[in-house]
Amino acid sequence: MCKTFEGINKLAKHMDSDSIVLWVGLKKISGRLYTCDDGKCIEDIVTLQDAVVEDCNHPDGCQFREYKWLNIPSSKIVGFTLKCCVR
């Protein structure tokens, strides 16, 4: 199992946060992390719900695409951060 995949899921459970931002190449992807509590995850695939892909390296300027579900191979992820609330 990929260490990126394991790290994302462990941190999400520890921080009790499912709101995540990923960087895949030069694209920024944000959405809600689908956790593997029900055992239906695909190994080494990070699944996001209500994902928005931001591509600001496009020749026509920044472009945004929205997806209800988006599967991302964890081997393609170059960075990530979890969003959480500060009380």
N, C-alpha and C. Protein backbone atom coordinates (compact mmCIF):
# COMPACT_ATOMS: atom_id res chain seq x y z
N MET A 1 0.85 -1.18 0.00
CA MET A 1 0.00 0.00 0.00
C MET A 1 0.89 1.24 0.00
N CYS A 2 0.52 2.24 -0.74
CA CYS A 2 1.30 3.47 -0.89
C CYS A 2 1.30 4.28 0.42
N LYS A 3 2.47 4.81 0.79
CA LYS A 3 2.58 5.57 2.03
C LYS A 3 1.78 6.87 1.97
N THR A 4 1.64 7.47 0.79
CA THR A 4 0.83 8.69 0.65
C THR A 4 -0.62 8.37 0.99
N PHE A 5 -1.14 7.28 0.44
CA PHE A 5 -2.51 6.85 0.69
C PHE A 5 -2.73 6.60 2.18
N GLU A 6 -1.81 5.86 2.82
CA GLU A 6 -1.92 5.56 4.25
C GLU A 6 -1.85 6.84 5.07
N GLY A 7 -0.92 7.73 4.72
CA GLY A 7 -0.76 8.97 5.47
C GLY A 7 -1.98 9.86 5.41
N ILE A 8 -2.56 10.01 4.24
CA ILE A 8 -3.75 10.84 4.09
C ILE A 8 -4.89 10.30 4.94
N ASN A 9 -5.14 9.00 4.87
CA ASN A 9 -6.24 8.42 5.63
C ASN A 9 -6.01 8.45 7.13
N LYS A 10 -4.78 8.21 7.59
CA LYS A 10 -4.48 8.27 9.03
C LYS A 10 -4.64 9.69 9.56
N LEU A 11 -4.11 10.68 8.83
CA LEU A 11 -4.23 12.07 9.27
C LEU A 11 -5.69 12.53 9.28
N ALA A 12 -6.44 12.14 8.28
CA ALA A 12 -7.85 12.54 8.21
C ALA A 12 -8.62 11.99 9.41
N LYS A 13 -8.36 10.75 9.79
CA LYS A 13 -9.03 10.17 10.96
C LYS A 13 -8.57 10.85 12.24
N HIS A 14 -7.27 11.11 12.36
CA HIS A 14 -6.71 11.73 13.56
C HIS A 14 -7.23 13.16 13.74
N MET A 15 -7.31 13.91 12.65
CA MET A 15 -7.75 15.30 12.73
C MET A 15 -9.27 15.44 12.66
N ASP A 16 -9.96 14.34 12.40
CA ASP A 16 -11.41 14.35 12.25
C ASP A 16 -11.83 15.37 11.19
N SER A 17 -11.14 15.32 10.06
CA SER A 17 -11.41 16.24 8.96
C SER A 17 -11.52 15.46 7.66
N ASP A 18 -12.48 15.85 6.83
CA ASP A 18 -12.59 15.19 5.52
C ASP A 18 -12.42 16.19 4.38
N SER A 19 -12.16 17.45 4.71
CA SER A 19 -11.96 18.48 3.70
C SER A 19 -10.47 18.55 3.38
N ILE A 20 -10.12 18.30 2.11
CA ILE A 20 -8.72 18.14 1.75
C ILE A 20 -8.39 18.91 0.47
N VAL A 21 -7.14 19.34 0.37
CA VAL A 21 -6.61 19.95 -0.85
C VAL A 21 -5.40 19.11 -1.26
N LEU A 22 -5.41 18.66 -2.51
CA LEU A 22 -4.32 17.85 -3.06
C LEU A 22 -3.64 18.61 -4.19
N TRP A 23 -2.37 18.35 -4.39
CA TRP A 23 -1.67 18.86 -5.56
C TRP A 23 -1.22 17.67 -6.38
N VAL A 24 -1.71 17.62 -7.61
CA VAL A 24 -1.36 16.56 -8.55
C VAL A 24 -0.69 17.25 -9.74
N GLY A 25 0.61 17.09 -9.83
CA GLY A 25 1.34 17.86 -10.83
C GLY A 25 1.20 19.34 -10.50
N LEU A 26 0.74 20.13 -11.45
CA LEU A 26 0.55 21.57 -11.23
C LEU A 26 -0.90 21.92 -10.95
N LYS A 27 -1.75 20.93 -10.75
CA LYS A 27 -3.17 21.16 -10.51
C LYS A 27 -3.49 21.07 -9.02
N LYS A 28 -4.36 21.97 -8.58
CA LYS A 28 -4.84 21.97 -7.20
C LYS A 28 -6.24 21.36 -7.20
N ILE A 29 -6.44 20.36 -6.35
CA ILE A 29 -7.73 19.67 -6.30
C ILE A 29 -8.25 19.72 -4.87
N SER A 30 -9.46 20.22 -4.70
CA SER A 30 -10.05 20.26 -3.36
C SER A 30 -11.36 19.49 -3.36
N GLY A 31 -11.72 18.98 -2.21
CA GLY A 31 -12.96 18.22 -2.09
C GLY A 31 -13.05 17.54 -0.73
N ARG A 32 -14.05 16.67 -0.61
CA ARG A 32 -14.25 15.91 0.62
C ARG A 32 -13.69 14.51 0.44
N LEU A 33 -12.84 14.11 1.36
CA LEU A 33 -12.19 12.81 1.30
C LEU A 33 -13.20 11.71 1.63
N TYR A 34 -13.27 10.72 0.76
CA TYR A 34 -14.09 9.53 1.01
C TYR A 34 -13.24 8.59 1.85
N THR A 35 -13.66 8.37 3.10
CA THR A 35 -12.88 7.52 4.00
C THR A 35 -13.19 6.05 3.77
N CYS A 36 -12.30 5.23 4.20
CA CYS A 36 -12.40 3.78 3.94
C CYS A 36 -13.06 3.03 5.09
N ASP A 37 -13.92 3.65 5.84
CA ASP A 37 -14.54 2.99 6.98
C ASP A 37 -15.37 1.79 6.58
N ASP A 38 -15.96 1.83 5.41
CA ASP A 38 -16.83 0.72 4.98
C ASP A 38 -16.08 -0.34 4.19
N GLY A 39 -14.77 -0.15 4.01
CA GLY A 39 -13.96 -1.14 3.31
C GLY A 39 -14.14 -1.17 1.80
N LYS A 40 -14.77 -0.13 1.25
CA LYS A 40 -15.04 -0.11 -0.19
C LYS A 40 -14.03 0.72 -0.98
N CYS A 41 -12.92 1.07 -0.37
CA CYS A 41 -11.91 1.86 -1.07
C CYS A 41 -11.09 0.98 -2.00
N ILE A 42 -10.61 1.60 -3.06
CA ILE A 42 -9.70 0.93 -3.98
C ILE A 42 -8.29 1.21 -3.47
N GLU A 43 -7.48 0.17 -3.37
CA GLU A 43 -6.14 0.33 -2.82
C GLU A 43 -5.32 1.35 -3.61
N ASP A 44 -4.70 2.26 -2.88
CA ASP A 44 -3.83 3.30 -3.42
C ASP A 44 -4.54 4.31 -4.31
N ILE A 45 -5.85 4.40 -4.19
CA ILE A 45 -6.64 5.41 -4.90
C ILE A 45 -7.31 6.30 -3.86
N VAL A 46 -7.07 7.61 -3.96
CA VAL A 46 -7.73 8.57 -3.07
C VAL A 46 -8.99 9.03 -3.79
N THR A 47 -10.13 8.88 -3.13
CA THR A 47 -11.41 9.24 -3.72
C THR A 47 -11.94 10.51 -3.06
N LEU A 48 -12.29 11.49 -3.89
CA LEU A 48 -12.86 12.74 -3.40
C LEU A 48 -14.29 12.88 -3.88
N GLN A 49 -15.11 13.46 -3.02
CA GLN A 49 -16.49 13.76 -3.38
C GLN A 49 -16.60 15.28 -3.52
N ASP A 50 -17.43 15.72 -4.46
CA ASP A 50 -17.62 17.15 -4.73
C ASP A 50 -16.28 17.86 -4.95
N ALA A 51 -15.49 17.30 -5.85
CA ALA A 51 -14.13 17.80 -6.10
C ALA A 51 -14.13 18.95 -7.11
N VAL A 52 -13.20 19.88 -6.90
CA VAL A 52 -12.97 20.98 -7.83
C VAL A 52 -11.49 20.95 -8.22
N VAL A 53 -11.25 20.87 -9.53
CA VAL A 53 -9.88 20.86 -10.05
C VAL A 53 -9.57 22.25 -10.60
N GLU A 54 -8.51 22.85 -10.09
CA GLU A 54 -8.08 24.19 -10.51
C GLU A 54 -6.78 24.05 -11.30
N ASP A 55 -6.83 24.47 -12.56
CA ASP A 55 -5.66 24.39 -13.44
C ASP A 55 -5.32 25.81 -13.90
N CYS A 56 -4.35 26.42 -13.24
CA CYS A 56 -3.96 27.80 -13.59
C CYS A 56 -2.79 27.84 -14.56
N ASN A 57 -2.37 26.70 -15.06
CA ASN A 57 -1.29 26.65 -16.05
C ASN A 57 -1.82 26.44 -17.45
N HIS A 58 -3.11 26.62 -17.61
CA HIS A 58 -3.75 26.45 -18.92
C HIS A 58 -3.48 27.70 -19.77
N PRO A 59 -3.26 27.55 -21.08
CA PRO A 59 -2.99 28.71 -21.95
C PRO A 59 -4.08 29.78 -21.91
N ASP A 60 -5.32 29.39 -21.63
CA ASP A 60 -6.42 30.35 -21.58
C ASP A 60 -6.65 30.91 -20.18
N GLY A 61 -5.73 30.72 -19.27
CA GLY A 61 -5.89 31.19 -17.90
C GLY A 61 -6.43 30.08 -17.01
N CYS A 62 -6.76 30.44 -15.79
CA CYS A 62 -7.25 29.44 -14.83
C CYS A 62 -8.55 28.81 -15.30
N GLN A 63 -8.60 27.51 -15.19
CA GLN A 63 -9.82 26.78 -15.51
C GLN A 63 -10.22 25.93 -14.32
N PHE A 64 -11.52 25.81 -14.10
CA PHE A 64 -12.05 25.02 -13.00
C PHE A 64 -12.99 23.96 -13.54
N ARG A 65 -12.85 22.76 -13.01
CA ARG A 65 -13.76 21.67 -13.37
C ARG A 65 -14.29 21.07 -12.08
N GLU A 66 -15.57 20.74 -12.09
CA GLU A 66 -16.19 20.14 -10.91
C GLU A 66 -16.58 18.70 -11.20
N TYR A 67 -16.39 17.85 -10.19
CA TYR A 67 -16.71 16.42 -10.30
C TYR A 67 -17.47 15.99 -9.06
N LYS A 68 -18.51 15.20 -9.25
CA LYS A 68 -19.24 14.63 -8.11
C LYS A 68 -18.33 13.64 -7.37
N TRP A 69 -17.64 12.78 -8.10
CA TRP A 69 -16.67 11.83 -7.56
C TRP A 69 -15.41 11.89 -8.41
N LEU A 70 -14.25 11.80 -7.77
CA LEU A 70 -12.99 11.83 -8.50
C LEU A 70 -12.00 10.87 -7.83
N ASN A 71 -11.49 9.93 -8.60
CA ASN A 71 -10.48 8.98 -8.11
C ASN A 71 -9.10 9.44 -8.57
N ILE A 72 -8.16 9.50 -7.63
CA ILE A 72 -6.81 9.97 -7.93
C ILE A 72 -5.80 8.92 -7.46
N PRO A 73 -4.94 8.43 -8.35
CA PRO A 73 -3.91 7.49 -7.91
C PRO A 73 -2.97 8.20 -6.92
N SER A 74 -2.76 7.60 -5.77
CA SER A 74 -1.94 8.26 -4.75
C SER A 74 -0.50 8.47 -5.21
N SER A 75 -0.04 7.71 -6.17
CA SER A 75 1.32 7.88 -6.68
C SER A 75 1.48 9.19 -7.45
N LYS A 76 0.38 9.82 -7.86
CA LYS A 76 0.42 11.08 -8.62
C LYS A 76 0.37 12.30 -7.71
N ILE A 77 0.07 12.11 -6.43
CA ILE A 77 -0.09 13.22 -5.49
C ILE A 77 1.29 13.71 -5.05
N VAL A 78 1.54 15.02 -5.23
CA VAL A 78 2.82 15.58 -4.83
C VAL A 78 2.74 16.32 -3.49
N GLY A 79 1.54 16.62 -3.03
CA GLY A 79 1.36 17.29 -1.75
C GLY A 79 -0.10 17.31 -1.37
N PHE A 80 -0.36 17.49 -0.07
CA PHE A 80 -1.75 17.58 0.38
C PHE A 80 -1.81 18.34 1.70
N THR A 81 -2.98 18.87 1.99
CA THR A 81 -3.25 19.49 3.28
C THR A 81 -4.70 19.22 3.62
N LEU A 82 -4.97 19.05 4.90
CA LEU A 82 -6.33 18.86 5.38
C LEU A 82 -6.81 20.16 5.98
N LYS A 83 -8.05 20.51 5.71
CA LYS A 83 -8.63 21.71 6.30
C LYS A 83 -9.38 21.29 7.55
N CYS A 84 -9.22 22.06 8.60
CA CYS A 84 -9.98 21.76 9.81
C CYS A 84 -10.37 23.06 10.49
N CYS A 85 -11.28 22.95 11.37
CA CYS A 85 -11.82 24.13 12.07
C CYS A 85 -10.99 24.42 13.31
N VAL A 86 -10.77 25.69 13.57
CA VAL A 86 -10.10 26.11 14.80
C VAL A 86 -11.17 26.70 15.70
N ARG A 87 -11.23 26.16 16.89
CA ARG A 87 -12.27 26.64 17.84
C ARG A 87 -11.65 27.43 18.94
